[in-house]
């Protein structure tokens, strides 16, 4: 039985991760800003008021985790805004960097002492962070923040490899969640089925790989 910590666990992909690992009999620690009824009614240990863009939240998270070791750390929390060259709210771009790029780095840094040889870190990113794959432009803050997360993930893979901890950089697909107005083409449960397969297959020989949930290796 594994201990799994998931950020952004109140809905969407995060909640589907919670439900998946609970179904396996694992211990699930679910961190979020505000818990949904579905999350509260689950068997997960829920830690509320965790904002991954806030340093004070990291202290609260560490205190709540206590002495528990973590087998799988899933950095899932994220936000999405749509900027164009005409409409460019820079505050939204900065917020996406704080949550999407720096947030997972904050969480991983805060919880690093809870990870040991054999532990795994999953960063839920997006192929929109791929520079080579950008065929449409726009979405400046989301694309830039996810590209920054991908870069951080590659460095984390190098730094944690010597500790025996592997890192996956994972694109879930276009998932039908509230974040994108439910206009995706796969459900959270379908996405998590692929993502957890990638996490299961993660090891020190493939650490730092940028994967689609379906197993395709994506371009940087």
N, C-alpha and C. Protein backbone atom coordinates (compact mmCIF):
# COMPACT_ATOMS: atom_id res chain seq x y z
N UNK A 1 0.84 -1.20 0.00
CA UNK A 1 0.00 0.00 0.00
C UNK A 1 0.88 1.24 0.00
N UNK A 2 0.56 2.19 -0.88
CA UNK A 2 1.35 3.40 -1.03
C UNK A 2 0.68 4.58 -0.33
N UNK A 3 1.48 5.58 -0.03
CA UNK A 3 0.96 6.87 0.44
C UNK A 3 1.12 7.86 -0.69
N UNK A 4 0.01 8.45 -1.10
CA UNK A 4 -0.03 9.34 -2.26
C UNK A 4 -0.51 10.70 -1.82
N UNK A 5 0.23 11.76 -2.16
CA UNK A 5 -0.21 13.12 -1.88
C UNK A 5 -0.51 13.81 -3.20
N UNK A 6 -1.69 14.42 -3.27
CA UNK A 6 -2.18 15.04 -4.50
C UNK A 6 -2.57 16.48 -4.20
N UNK A 7 -2.06 17.42 -5.00
CA UNK A 7 -2.50 18.81 -4.87
C UNK A 7 -3.63 19.08 -5.87
N UNK A 8 -4.39 20.14 -5.60
CA UNK A 8 -5.53 20.44 -6.47
C UNK A 8 -6.52 19.29 -6.51
N UNK A 9 -6.78 18.71 -5.34
CA UNK A 9 -7.50 17.43 -5.26
C UNK A 9 -9.01 17.57 -5.14
N UNK A 10 -9.53 18.76 -5.17
CA UNK A 10 -10.95 18.94 -4.86
C UNK A 10 -11.88 18.60 -6.01
N UNK A 11 -11.39 18.61 -7.26
CA UNK A 11 -12.28 18.36 -8.40
C UNK A 11 -11.46 17.92 -9.60
N UNK A 12 -12.14 17.59 -10.69
CA UNK A 12 -11.48 17.31 -11.95
C UNK A 12 -10.46 16.19 -11.88
N UNK A 13 -9.30 16.42 -12.49
CA UNK A 13 -8.25 15.40 -12.53
C UNK A 13 -7.79 15.05 -11.12
N UNK A 14 -7.65 16.06 -10.27
CA UNK A 14 -7.17 15.81 -8.91
C UNK A 14 -8.10 14.87 -8.15
N UNK A 15 -9.40 15.11 -8.23
CA UNK A 15 -10.36 14.25 -7.55
C UNK A 15 -10.35 12.84 -8.16
N UNK A 16 -10.19 12.75 -9.47
CA UNK A 16 -10.12 11.43 -10.11
C UNK A 16 -8.88 10.67 -9.65
N UNK A 17 -7.77 11.38 -9.45
CA UNK A 17 -6.58 10.74 -8.86
C UNK A 17 -6.90 10.20 -7.47
N UNK A 18 -7.56 11.02 -6.65
CA UNK A 18 -7.92 10.60 -5.30
C UNK A 18 -8.73 9.32 -5.35
N UNK A 19 -9.75 9.31 -6.18
CA UNK A 19 -10.64 8.15 -6.24
C UNK A 19 -9.91 6.92 -6.77
N UNK A 20 -9.00 7.10 -7.72
CA UNK A 20 -8.24 5.98 -8.26
C UNK A 20 -7.38 5.33 -7.19
N UNK A 21 -6.60 6.13 -6.48
CA UNK A 21 -5.68 5.55 -5.50
C UNK A 21 -6.42 4.99 -4.29
N UNK A 22 -7.53 5.61 -3.91
CA UNK A 22 -8.33 5.04 -2.84
C UNK A 22 -8.88 3.67 -3.24
N UNK A 23 -9.25 3.52 -4.50
CA UNK A 23 -9.80 2.24 -4.97
C UNK A 23 -8.77 1.12 -4.90
N UNK A 24 -7.48 1.50 -4.89
CA UNK A 24 -6.40 0.52 -4.78
C UNK A 24 -6.06 0.20 -3.32
N UNK A 25 -6.71 0.91 -2.40
CA UNK A 25 -6.43 0.71 -0.99
C UNK A 25 -5.27 1.53 -0.48
N UNK A 26 -4.82 2.51 -1.28
CA UNK A 26 -3.70 3.35 -0.86
C UNK A 26 -4.15 4.42 0.13
N UNK A 27 -3.19 4.96 0.86
CA UNK A 27 -3.43 6.10 1.74
C UNK A 27 -3.30 7.37 0.91
N UNK A 28 -4.33 8.19 0.88
CA UNK A 28 -4.34 9.39 0.04
C UNK A 28 -4.44 10.64 0.90
N UNK A 29 -3.51 11.55 0.68
CA UNK A 29 -3.52 12.87 1.30
C UNK A 29 -3.90 13.85 0.22
N UNK A 30 -5.02 14.52 0.40
CA UNK A 30 -5.59 15.40 -0.63
C UNK A 30 -5.46 16.85 -0.18
N UNK A 31 -4.63 17.61 -0.90
CA UNK A 31 -4.42 19.02 -0.57
C UNK A 31 -5.17 19.90 -1.56
N UNK A 32 -5.82 20.93 -1.05
CA UNK A 32 -6.59 21.82 -1.91
C UNK A 32 -6.83 23.13 -1.18
N UNK A 33 -7.33 24.10 -1.91
CA UNK A 33 -7.71 25.36 -1.26
C UNK A 33 -9.01 25.18 -0.49
N UNK A 34 -10.03 24.64 -1.17
CA UNK A 34 -11.33 24.40 -0.53
C UNK A 34 -11.84 23.04 -0.98
N UNK A 35 -12.20 22.20 -0.04
CA UNK A 35 -12.63 20.85 -0.37
C UNK A 35 -14.05 20.84 -0.93
N UNK A 36 -14.26 20.06 -1.98
CA UNK A 36 -15.60 19.83 -2.50
C UNK A 36 -16.30 18.78 -1.64
N UNK A 37 -17.61 18.67 -1.80
CA UNK A 37 -18.35 17.65 -1.05
C UNK A 37 -17.87 16.25 -1.43
N UNK A 38 -17.58 16.05 -2.72
CA UNK A 38 -17.09 14.74 -3.14
C UNK A 38 -15.79 14.38 -2.45
N UNK A 39 -14.92 15.36 -2.30
CA UNK A 39 -13.65 15.08 -1.63
C UNK A 39 -13.86 14.85 -0.15
N UNK A 40 -14.69 15.66 0.49
CA UNK A 40 -14.95 15.49 1.92
C UNK A 40 -15.57 14.13 2.22
N UNK A 41 -16.37 13.64 1.29
CA UNK A 41 -17.06 12.37 1.51
C UNK A 41 -16.21 11.16 1.13
N UNK A 42 -15.00 11.40 0.65
CA UNK A 42 -14.09 10.31 0.34
C UNK A 42 -13.36 9.88 1.61
N UNK A 43 -12.52 8.86 1.46
CA UNK A 43 -11.74 8.37 2.59
C UNK A 43 -10.35 9.01 2.64
N UNK A 44 -10.14 10.03 1.83
CA UNK A 44 -8.83 10.70 1.83
C UNK A 44 -8.66 11.57 3.08
N UNK A 45 -7.41 11.77 3.45
CA UNK A 45 -7.09 12.77 4.47
C UNK A 45 -7.01 14.11 3.76
N UNK A 46 -7.91 15.02 4.09
CA UNK A 46 -8.04 16.28 3.36
C UNK A 46 -7.33 17.40 4.12
N UNK A 47 -6.48 18.12 3.41
CA UNK A 47 -5.80 19.30 3.98
C UNK A 47 -6.27 20.50 3.17
N UNK A 48 -7.09 21.34 3.80
CA UNK A 48 -7.63 22.51 3.10
C UNK A 48 -6.75 23.74 3.32
N UNK A 49 -7.10 24.80 2.59
CA UNK A 49 -6.41 26.09 2.65
C UNK A 49 -4.95 25.96 2.23
N UNK A 50 -4.70 25.09 1.25
CA UNK A 50 -3.36 24.96 0.69
C UNK A 50 -3.35 25.64 -0.67
N UNK A 51 -2.69 26.77 -0.73
CA UNK A 51 -2.51 27.54 -1.96
C UNK A 51 -1.06 27.36 -2.39
N UNK A 52 -0.84 26.68 -3.52
CA UNK A 52 0.53 26.35 -3.91
C UNK A 52 1.34 27.57 -4.31
N UNK A 53 0.68 28.72 -4.45
CA UNK A 53 1.42 29.95 -4.76
C UNK A 53 1.84 30.71 -3.50
N UNK A 54 1.57 30.13 -2.34
CA UNK A 54 1.78 30.82 -1.06
C UNK A 54 2.79 30.07 -0.20
N UNK A 55 3.86 30.74 0.21
CA UNK A 55 4.88 30.10 1.04
C UNK A 55 4.31 29.65 2.38
N UNK A 56 3.40 30.44 2.96
CA UNK A 56 2.83 30.08 4.26
C UNK A 56 2.05 28.77 4.17
N UNK A 57 1.43 28.51 3.03
CA UNK A 57 0.71 27.25 2.86
C UNK A 57 1.65 26.05 2.88
N UNK A 58 2.88 26.27 2.45
CA UNK A 58 3.84 25.16 2.45
C UNK A 58 4.18 24.74 3.88
N UNK A 59 4.26 25.70 4.78
CA UNK A 59 4.50 25.38 6.19
C UNK A 59 3.32 24.60 6.76
N UNK A 60 2.12 25.02 6.40
CA UNK A 60 0.93 24.31 6.86
C UNK A 60 0.90 22.89 6.31
N UNK A 61 1.27 22.74 5.04
CA UNK A 61 1.27 21.41 4.42
C UNK A 61 2.28 20.49 5.10
N UNK A 62 3.47 20.99 5.33
CA UNK A 62 4.49 20.18 5.99
C UNK A 62 4.04 19.75 7.38
N UNK A 63 3.45 20.67 8.11
CA UNK A 63 2.98 20.36 9.47
C UNK A 63 1.89 19.30 9.42
N UNK A 64 0.98 19.39 8.44
CA UNK A 64 -0.12 18.44 8.34
C UNK A 64 0.38 17.05 7.94
N UNK A 65 1.39 16.98 7.09
CA UNK A 65 1.94 15.69 6.67
C UNK A 65 2.67 15.03 7.83
N UNK A 66 3.27 15.84 8.69
CA UNK A 66 3.94 15.31 9.87
C UNK A 66 5.14 14.45 9.51
N UNK A 67 5.18 13.24 10.05
CA UNK A 67 6.31 12.34 9.81
C UNK A 67 6.04 11.33 8.70
N UNK A 68 4.91 11.44 8.03
CA UNK A 68 4.56 10.47 7.01
C UNK A 68 5.52 10.53 5.82
N UNK A 69 5.89 9.38 5.33
CA UNK A 69 6.65 9.32 4.08
C UNK A 69 5.67 9.34 2.92
N UNK A 70 6.14 9.79 1.75
CA UNK A 70 5.30 9.90 0.57
C UNK A 70 5.90 9.03 -0.53
N UNK A 71 5.09 8.12 -1.04
CA UNK A 71 5.53 7.25 -2.14
C UNK A 71 5.32 7.90 -3.50
N UNK A 72 4.20 8.60 -3.64
CA UNK A 72 3.89 9.27 -4.90
C UNK A 72 3.40 10.68 -4.59
N UNK A 73 4.09 11.67 -5.14
CA UNK A 73 3.70 13.08 -4.99
C UNK A 73 3.19 13.55 -6.34
N UNK A 74 1.92 13.91 -6.40
CA UNK A 74 1.32 14.35 -7.66
C UNK A 74 1.02 15.84 -7.57
N UNK A 75 1.81 16.62 -8.30
CA UNK A 75 1.63 18.07 -8.38
C UNK A 75 0.62 18.37 -9.49
N UNK A 76 -0.64 18.48 -9.10
CA UNK A 76 -1.73 18.60 -10.06
C UNK A 76 -2.35 20.00 -10.10
N UNK A 77 -2.24 20.77 -9.03
CA UNK A 77 -2.91 22.07 -8.96
C UNK A 77 -2.47 22.97 -10.11
N UNK A 78 -3.44 23.63 -10.73
CA UNK A 78 -3.11 24.53 -11.84
C UNK A 78 -4.28 25.43 -12.17
N UNK A 79 -3.99 26.52 -12.89
CA UNK A 79 -5.03 27.42 -13.36
C UNK A 79 -4.80 27.73 -14.83
N UNK A 80 -5.85 28.20 -15.49
CA UNK A 80 -5.80 28.46 -16.92
C UNK A 80 -6.47 29.80 -17.22
N UNK A 81 -5.76 30.66 -17.94
CA UNK A 81 -6.33 31.91 -18.43
C UNK A 81 -6.01 32.01 -19.92
N UNK A 82 -6.74 32.84 -20.63
CA UNK A 82 -6.56 32.96 -22.08
C UNK A 82 -6.21 34.39 -22.45
N UNK A 83 -4.93 34.61 -22.76
CA UNK A 83 -4.49 35.93 -23.20
C UNK A 83 -4.26 35.91 -24.72
N UNK A 84 -4.46 37.05 -25.34
CA UNK A 84 -4.15 37.20 -26.76
C UNK A 84 -3.23 38.41 -26.92
N UNK A 85 -2.69 38.60 -28.09
CA UNK A 85 -1.83 39.75 -28.34
C UNK A 85 -2.59 41.06 -28.20
N UNK A 86 -3.91 41.00 -28.35
CA UNK A 86 -4.75 42.19 -28.20
C UNK A 86 -5.12 42.41 -26.74
N UNK A 87 -5.48 41.35 -26.06
CA UNK A 87 -5.91 41.41 -24.66
C UNK A 87 -4.88 40.67 -23.81
N UNK A 88 -4.01 41.43 -23.13
CA UNK A 88 -2.85 40.86 -22.44
C UNK A 88 -2.82 41.29 -20.98
N UNK A 89 -3.66 40.69 -20.12
CA UNK A 89 -3.63 41.02 -18.69
C UNK A 89 -2.41 40.37 -18.01
N UNK A 90 -1.39 41.17 -17.77
CA UNK A 90 -0.14 40.62 -17.27
C UNK A 90 -0.27 40.05 -15.86
N UNK A 91 -1.23 40.56 -15.09
CA UNK A 91 -1.43 40.00 -13.75
C UNK A 91 -1.88 38.55 -13.84
N UNK A 92 -2.67 38.22 -14.85
CA UNK A 92 -3.10 36.83 -15.04
C UNK A 92 -1.92 35.95 -15.43
N UNK A 93 -1.03 36.48 -16.25
CA UNK A 93 0.16 35.73 -16.65
C UNK A 93 1.03 35.45 -15.44
N UNK A 94 1.23 36.46 -14.62
CA UNK A 94 2.05 36.28 -13.41
C UNK A 94 1.43 35.26 -12.46
N UNK A 95 0.11 35.30 -12.31
CA UNK A 95 -0.57 34.35 -11.42
C UNK A 95 -0.40 32.93 -11.93
N UNK A 96 -0.47 32.74 -13.24
CA UNK A 96 -0.27 31.39 -13.80
C UNK A 96 1.15 30.89 -13.54
N UNK A 97 2.13 31.78 -13.61
CA UNK A 97 3.49 31.37 -13.26
C UNK A 97 3.57 30.94 -11.81
N UNK A 98 2.94 31.71 -10.93
CA UNK A 98 3.00 31.39 -9.50
C UNK A 98 2.37 30.03 -9.20
N UNK A 99 1.24 29.74 -9.83
CA UNK A 99 0.52 28.49 -9.55
C UNK A 99 1.07 27.33 -10.37
N UNK A 100 1.20 27.51 -11.68
CA UNK A 100 1.51 26.40 -12.57
C UNK A 100 2.98 26.00 -12.59
N UNK A 101 3.87 26.97 -12.43
CA UNK A 101 5.31 26.68 -12.51
C UNK A 101 5.96 26.67 -11.13
N UNK A 102 5.80 27.74 -10.39
CA UNK A 102 6.44 27.82 -9.09
C UNK A 102 5.73 26.99 -8.03
N UNK A 103 4.42 26.80 -8.19
CA UNK A 103 3.66 26.01 -7.23
C UNK A 103 4.19 24.60 -7.06
N UNK A 104 4.31 23.82 -8.15
CA UNK A 104 4.86 22.47 -8.00
C UNK A 104 6.28 22.46 -7.45
N UNK A 105 7.06 23.48 -7.80
CA UNK A 105 8.42 23.56 -7.27
C UNK A 105 8.39 23.82 -5.76
N UNK A 106 7.49 24.71 -5.33
CA UNK A 106 7.33 24.97 -3.89
C UNK A 106 6.95 23.69 -3.14
N UNK A 107 5.95 23.00 -3.66
CA UNK A 107 5.46 21.80 -2.99
C UNK A 107 6.56 20.74 -2.91
N UNK A 108 7.23 20.51 -4.03
CA UNK A 108 8.28 19.48 -4.06
C UNK A 108 9.43 19.84 -3.13
N UNK A 109 9.81 21.10 -3.13
CA UNK A 109 10.88 21.55 -2.22
C UNK A 109 10.46 21.37 -0.77
N UNK A 110 9.22 21.73 -0.46
CA UNK A 110 8.74 21.64 0.92
C UNK A 110 8.68 20.20 1.42
N UNK A 111 8.35 19.27 0.52
CA UNK A 111 8.12 17.88 0.93
C UNK A 111 9.27 16.95 0.59
N UNK A 112 10.39 17.49 0.17
CA UNK A 112 11.48 16.63 -0.30
C UNK A 112 11.99 15.66 0.76
N UNK A 113 11.94 16.04 2.02
CA UNK A 113 12.42 15.15 3.08
C UNK A 113 11.47 13.99 3.34
N UNK A 114 10.27 14.05 2.77
CA UNK A 114 9.30 12.96 2.91
C UNK A 114 9.43 11.95 1.78
N UNK A 115 10.31 12.23 0.82
CA UNK A 115 10.55 11.35 -0.31
C UNK A 115 11.83 10.57 -0.09
N UNK A 116 11.83 9.30 -0.47
CA UNK A 116 13.02 8.47 -0.31
C UNK A 116 13.19 7.60 -1.55
N UNK A 117 14.24 6.83 -1.59
CA UNK A 117 14.51 5.97 -2.75
C UNK A 117 13.28 5.13 -3.08
N UNK A 118 12.87 5.19 -4.33
CA UNK A 118 11.67 4.49 -4.76
C UNK A 118 10.44 5.37 -4.85
N UNK A 119 10.49 6.55 -4.24
CA UNK A 119 9.37 7.49 -4.36
C UNK A 119 9.31 8.04 -5.78
N UNK A 120 8.13 8.58 -6.13
CA UNK A 120 7.93 9.13 -7.47
C UNK A 120 7.26 10.50 -7.37
N UNK A 121 7.65 11.38 -8.29
CA UNK A 121 7.05 12.71 -8.39
C UNK A 121 6.41 12.83 -9.77
N UNK A 122 5.14 13.22 -9.81
CA UNK A 122 4.46 13.46 -11.08
C UNK A 122 4.08 14.93 -11.17
N UNK A 123 4.46 15.56 -12.27
CA UNK A 123 4.10 16.94 -12.55
C UNK A 123 3.05 16.93 -13.65
N UNK A 124 1.85 17.41 -13.34
CA UNK A 124 0.80 17.45 -14.35
C UNK A 124 0.94 18.77 -15.11
N UNK A 125 1.43 18.65 -16.33
CA UNK A 125 1.73 19.80 -17.16
C UNK A 125 0.77 19.84 -18.34
N UNK A 126 1.22 20.30 -19.49
CA UNK A 126 0.40 20.33 -20.69
C UNK A 126 1.30 20.35 -21.91
N UNK A 127 0.83 19.75 -23.00
CA UNK A 127 1.59 19.85 -24.24
C UNK A 127 1.59 21.29 -24.75
N UNK A 128 0.72 22.14 -24.19
CA UNK A 128 0.76 23.57 -24.53
C UNK A 128 2.03 24.22 -24.03
N UNK A 129 2.77 23.54 -23.17
CA UNK A 129 4.08 24.02 -22.75
C UNK A 129 5.19 23.62 -23.71
N UNK A 130 4.85 22.85 -24.74
CA UNK A 130 5.83 22.47 -25.76
C UNK A 130 6.03 23.62 -26.73
N UNK A 131 7.26 24.06 -26.91
CA UNK A 131 7.55 25.13 -27.86
C UNK A 131 7.42 24.61 -29.29
N UNK A 132 7.93 23.40 -29.53
CA UNK A 132 7.87 22.83 -30.88
C UNK A 132 6.43 22.56 -31.31
N UNK A 133 5.57 22.21 -30.37
CA UNK A 133 4.20 21.80 -30.68
C UNK A 133 3.23 22.97 -30.81
N UNK A 134 3.70 24.19 -30.58
CA UNK A 134 2.82 25.36 -30.61
C UNK A 134 2.48 25.71 -32.05
N UNK A 135 1.26 25.37 -32.45
CA UNK A 135 0.84 25.65 -33.82
C UNK A 135 -0.25 26.70 -33.93
N UNK A 136 -0.57 27.36 -32.81
CA UNK A 136 -1.69 28.30 -32.87
C UNK A 136 -1.44 29.64 -32.18
N UNK A 137 -0.40 29.73 -31.35
CA UNK A 137 -0.15 30.98 -30.63
C UNK A 137 -1.12 31.21 -29.49
N UNK A 138 -1.16 32.47 -29.01
CA UNK A 138 -2.04 32.90 -27.90
C UNK A 138 -1.76 32.11 -26.63
N UNK A 139 -2.66 32.20 -25.66
CA UNK A 139 -2.56 31.50 -24.38
C UNK A 139 -1.17 31.71 -23.75
N UNK A 140 -0.74 32.95 -23.71
CA UNK A 140 0.65 33.25 -23.34
C UNK A 140 1.01 32.77 -21.94
N UNK A 141 0.19 33.09 -20.97
CA UNK A 141 0.53 32.73 -19.59
C UNK A 141 0.52 31.24 -19.36
N UNK A 142 -0.45 30.55 -19.92
CA UNK A 142 -0.53 29.10 -19.72
C UNK A 142 0.63 28.41 -20.42
N UNK A 143 0.87 28.77 -21.68
CA UNK A 143 1.98 28.15 -22.42
C UNK A 143 3.32 28.42 -21.71
N UNK A 144 3.55 29.67 -21.33
CA UNK A 144 4.83 30.02 -20.72
C UNK A 144 5.01 29.34 -19.37
N UNK A 145 3.95 29.30 -18.57
CA UNK A 145 4.07 28.71 -17.24
C UNK A 145 4.28 27.20 -17.33
N UNK A 146 3.64 26.55 -18.28
CA UNK A 146 3.83 25.11 -18.43
C UNK A 146 5.20 24.79 -19.03
N UNK A 147 5.70 25.64 -19.92
CA UNK A 147 7.06 25.44 -20.43
C UNK A 147 8.07 25.57 -19.28
N UNK A 148 7.82 26.54 -18.39
CA UNK A 148 8.69 26.70 -17.22
C UNK A 148 8.60 25.49 -16.30
N UNK A 149 7.39 24.94 -16.12
CA UNK A 149 7.23 23.74 -15.31
C UNK A 149 7.99 22.57 -15.92
N UNK A 150 7.92 22.44 -17.24
CA UNK A 150 8.65 21.36 -17.91
C UNK A 150 10.15 21.47 -17.66
N UNK A 151 10.67 22.70 -17.73
CA UNK A 151 12.09 22.93 -17.47
C UNK A 151 12.44 22.56 -16.03
N UNK A 152 11.58 22.97 -15.09
CA UNK A 152 11.80 22.63 -13.69
C UNK A 152 11.77 21.11 -13.49
N UNK A 153 10.84 20.44 -14.18
CA UNK A 153 10.74 19.00 -14.05
C UNK A 153 12.00 18.28 -14.50
N UNK A 154 12.61 18.79 -15.57
CA UNK A 154 13.84 18.18 -16.06
C UNK A 154 14.96 18.34 -15.04
N UNK A 155 15.06 19.52 -14.43
CA UNK A 155 16.07 19.72 -13.40
C UNK A 155 15.78 18.87 -12.16
N UNK A 156 14.52 18.78 -11.77
CA UNK A 156 14.17 17.93 -10.62
C UNK A 156 14.54 16.48 -10.88
N UNK A 157 14.35 16.03 -12.12
CA UNK A 157 14.70 14.65 -12.46
C UNK A 157 16.18 14.39 -12.24
N UNK A 158 17.02 15.34 -12.64
CA UNK A 158 18.46 15.19 -12.43
C UNK A 158 18.81 15.23 -10.94
N UNK A 159 18.24 16.20 -10.22
CA UNK A 159 18.60 16.39 -8.82
C UNK A 159 18.11 15.26 -7.92
N UNK A 160 16.94 14.69 -8.24
CA UNK A 160 16.39 13.63 -7.41
C UNK A 160 16.89 12.24 -7.81
N UNK A 161 17.46 12.10 -8.99
CA UNK A 161 17.91 10.78 -9.43
C UNK A 161 18.94 10.21 -8.46
N UNK A 162 19.81 11.06 -7.96
CA UNK A 162 20.85 10.58 -7.03
C UNK A 162 20.23 10.12 -5.71
N UNK A 163 19.00 10.53 -5.44
CA UNK A 163 18.30 10.09 -4.22
C UNK A 163 17.42 8.86 -4.49
N UNK A 164 17.39 8.41 -5.76
CA UNK A 164 16.56 7.27 -6.10
C UNK A 164 15.11 7.60 -6.32
N UNK A 165 14.83 8.88 -6.60
CA UNK A 165 13.45 9.36 -6.80
C UNK A 165 13.29 9.74 -8.27
N UNK A 166 12.26 9.21 -8.92
CA UNK A 166 12.02 9.47 -10.34
C UNK A 166 10.93 10.52 -10.53
N UNK A 167 11.02 11.26 -11.64
CA UNK A 167 10.12 12.37 -11.93
C UNK A 167 9.49 12.18 -13.31
N UNK A 168 8.16 12.29 -13.38
CA UNK A 168 7.44 12.24 -14.65
C UNK A 168 6.82 13.60 -14.95
N UNK A 169 6.90 14.01 -16.21
CA UNK A 169 6.32 15.28 -16.68
C UNK A 169 5.18 14.87 -17.60
N UNK A 170 3.93 15.08 -17.18
CA UNK A 170 2.79 14.40 -17.78
C UNK A 170 1.72 15.34 -18.33
N UNK A 171 1.36 15.13 -19.58
CA UNK A 171 0.24 15.82 -20.22
C UNK A 171 -0.99 14.91 -20.16
N UNK A 172 -2.09 15.38 -19.58
CA UNK A 172 -3.24 14.49 -19.39
C UNK A 172 -4.14 14.34 -20.60
N UNK A 173 -3.91 15.12 -21.65
CA UNK A 173 -4.87 15.21 -22.75
C UNK A 173 -5.76 16.41 -22.52
N UNK A 174 -6.70 16.63 -23.44
CA UNK A 174 -7.65 17.73 -23.30
C UNK A 174 -8.83 17.21 -22.48
N UNK A 175 -8.78 17.46 -21.19
CA UNK A 175 -9.69 16.82 -20.25
C UNK A 175 -10.91 17.72 -20.00
N UNK A 176 -12.07 17.12 -19.98
CA UNK A 176 -13.30 17.86 -19.76
C UNK A 176 -13.45 18.19 -18.29
N UNK A 177 -12.94 19.37 -17.91
CA UNK A 177 -13.00 19.84 -16.53
C UNK A 177 -13.55 21.26 -16.50
N UNK A 178 -13.88 21.70 -15.31
CA UNK A 178 -14.39 23.07 -15.14
C UNK A 178 -13.36 24.10 -15.59
N UNK A 179 -12.07 23.80 -15.45
CA UNK A 179 -11.02 24.75 -15.78
C UNK A 179 -11.10 25.22 -17.22
N UNK A 180 -11.53 24.33 -18.14
CA UNK A 180 -11.63 24.71 -19.55
C UNK A 180 -13.08 24.67 -20.03
N UNK A 181 -14.02 24.84 -19.09
CA UNK A 181 -15.43 24.90 -19.46
C UNK A 181 -16.01 23.59 -19.95
N UNK A 182 -15.43 22.48 -19.50
CA UNK A 182 -15.91 21.14 -19.84
C UNK A 182 -15.95 20.87 -21.35
N UNK A 183 -14.99 21.45 -22.07
CA UNK A 183 -14.98 21.28 -23.53
C UNK A 183 -13.91 20.28 -23.98
N UNK A 184 -13.40 19.48 -23.07
CA UNK A 184 -12.38 18.50 -23.44
C UNK A 184 -12.95 17.29 -24.14
N UNK A 185 -12.04 16.42 -24.59
CA UNK A 185 -12.48 15.22 -25.30
C UNK A 185 -12.26 13.92 -24.53
N UNK A 186 -11.72 14.02 -23.30
CA UNK A 186 -11.62 12.85 -22.43
C UNK A 186 -12.10 13.24 -21.04
N UNK A 187 -12.61 12.28 -20.31
CA UNK A 187 -13.07 12.54 -18.94
C UNK A 187 -11.88 12.53 -17.99
N UNK A 188 -12.03 13.11 -16.80
CA UNK A 188 -10.96 13.03 -15.81
C UNK A 188 -10.56 11.58 -15.50
N UNK A 189 -11.55 10.70 -15.44
CA UNK A 189 -11.26 9.30 -15.13
C UNK A 189 -10.45 8.64 -16.25
N UNK A 190 -10.78 8.95 -17.50
CA UNK A 190 -10.01 8.41 -18.63
C UNK A 190 -8.58 8.94 -18.60
N UNK A 191 -8.44 10.23 -18.32
CA UNK A 191 -7.10 10.83 -18.25
C UNK A 191 -6.28 10.18 -17.16
N UNK A 192 -6.88 10.01 -16.00
CA UNK A 192 -6.15 9.44 -14.86
C UNK A 192 -5.77 7.99 -15.10
N UNK A 193 -6.59 7.27 -15.86
CA UNK A 193 -6.22 5.90 -16.21
C UNK A 193 -4.89 5.86 -16.94
N UNK A 194 -4.71 6.76 -17.91
CA UNK A 194 -3.44 6.83 -18.62
C UNK A 194 -2.32 7.39 -17.77
N UNK A 195 -2.60 8.43 -17.01
CA UNK A 195 -1.57 9.07 -16.19
C UNK A 195 -1.02 8.11 -15.14
N UNK A 196 -1.90 7.34 -14.52
CA UNK A 196 -1.42 6.41 -13.49
C UNK A 196 -0.62 5.26 -14.11
N UNK A 197 -0.95 4.91 -15.33
CA UNK A 197 -0.12 3.91 -16.03
C UNK A 197 1.28 4.44 -16.25
N UNK A 198 1.38 5.72 -16.64
CA UNK A 198 2.70 6.33 -16.82
C UNK A 198 3.45 6.38 -15.49
N UNK A 199 2.75 6.70 -14.41
CA UNK A 199 3.39 6.75 -13.09
C UNK A 199 3.85 5.36 -12.68
N UNK A 200 3.03 4.35 -12.95
CA UNK A 200 3.42 2.97 -12.63
C UNK A 200 4.70 2.59 -13.38
N UNK A 201 4.84 3.03 -14.62
CA UNK A 201 5.98 2.68 -15.46
C UNK A 201 7.21 3.55 -15.20
N UNK A 202 7.05 4.59 -14.41
CA UNK A 202 8.15 5.52 -14.14
C UNK A 202 9.25 4.86 -13.32
N UNK A 203 10.49 5.07 -13.74
CA UNK A 203 11.64 4.55 -13.00
C UNK A 203 12.83 5.46 -13.26
N UNK A 204 13.97 5.11 -12.70
CA UNK A 204 15.14 5.97 -12.82
C UNK A 204 15.73 5.99 -14.23
N UNK A 205 15.37 5.01 -15.05
CA UNK A 205 15.90 5.00 -16.42
C UNK A 205 15.10 5.90 -17.35
N UNK A 206 13.84 6.19 -17.02
CA UNK A 206 13.05 7.07 -17.88
C UNK A 206 12.65 8.36 -17.17
N UNK A 207 13.25 8.63 -16.02
CA UNK A 207 12.94 9.86 -15.28
C UNK A 207 13.21 11.09 -16.14
N UNK A 208 12.36 12.10 -15.97
CA UNK A 208 12.52 13.33 -16.73
C UNK A 208 11.89 13.32 -18.10
N UNK A 209 11.12 12.28 -18.42
CA UNK A 209 10.46 12.19 -19.72
C UNK A 209 9.17 13.00 -19.73
N UNK A 210 8.89 13.65 -20.88
CA UNK A 210 7.69 14.44 -21.09
C UNK A 210 6.71 13.56 -21.87
N UNK A 211 5.70 13.03 -21.17
CA UNK A 211 4.78 12.07 -21.75
C UNK A 211 3.37 12.63 -21.91
N UNK A 212 2.70 12.18 -22.96
CA UNK A 212 1.25 12.23 -23.04
C UNK A 212 0.71 11.10 -22.18
N UNK A 213 -0.49 11.25 -21.65
CA UNK A 213 -1.09 10.18 -20.85
C UNK A 213 -1.19 8.86 -21.62
N UNK A 214 -1.27 8.95 -22.96
CA UNK A 214 -1.39 7.74 -23.76
C UNK A 214 -0.05 7.04 -24.00
N UNK A 215 1.03 7.59 -23.47
CA UNK A 215 2.34 6.97 -23.59
C UNK A 215 3.23 7.61 -24.64
N UNK A 216 2.68 8.49 -25.48
CA UNK A 216 3.48 9.18 -26.49
C UNK A 216 4.49 10.11 -25.80
N UNK A 217 5.73 10.11 -26.28
CA UNK A 217 6.74 11.05 -25.78
C UNK A 217 6.58 12.34 -26.57
N UNK A 218 6.43 13.44 -25.85
CA UNK A 218 6.13 14.73 -26.47
C UNK A 218 7.40 15.55 -26.71
N UNK A 219 7.37 16.41 -27.70
CA UNK A 219 8.54 17.27 -27.98
C UNK A 219 8.60 18.44 -26.99
N UNK A 220 9.82 18.88 -26.72
CA UNK A 220 9.99 20.02 -25.81
C UNK A 220 9.62 21.32 -26.51
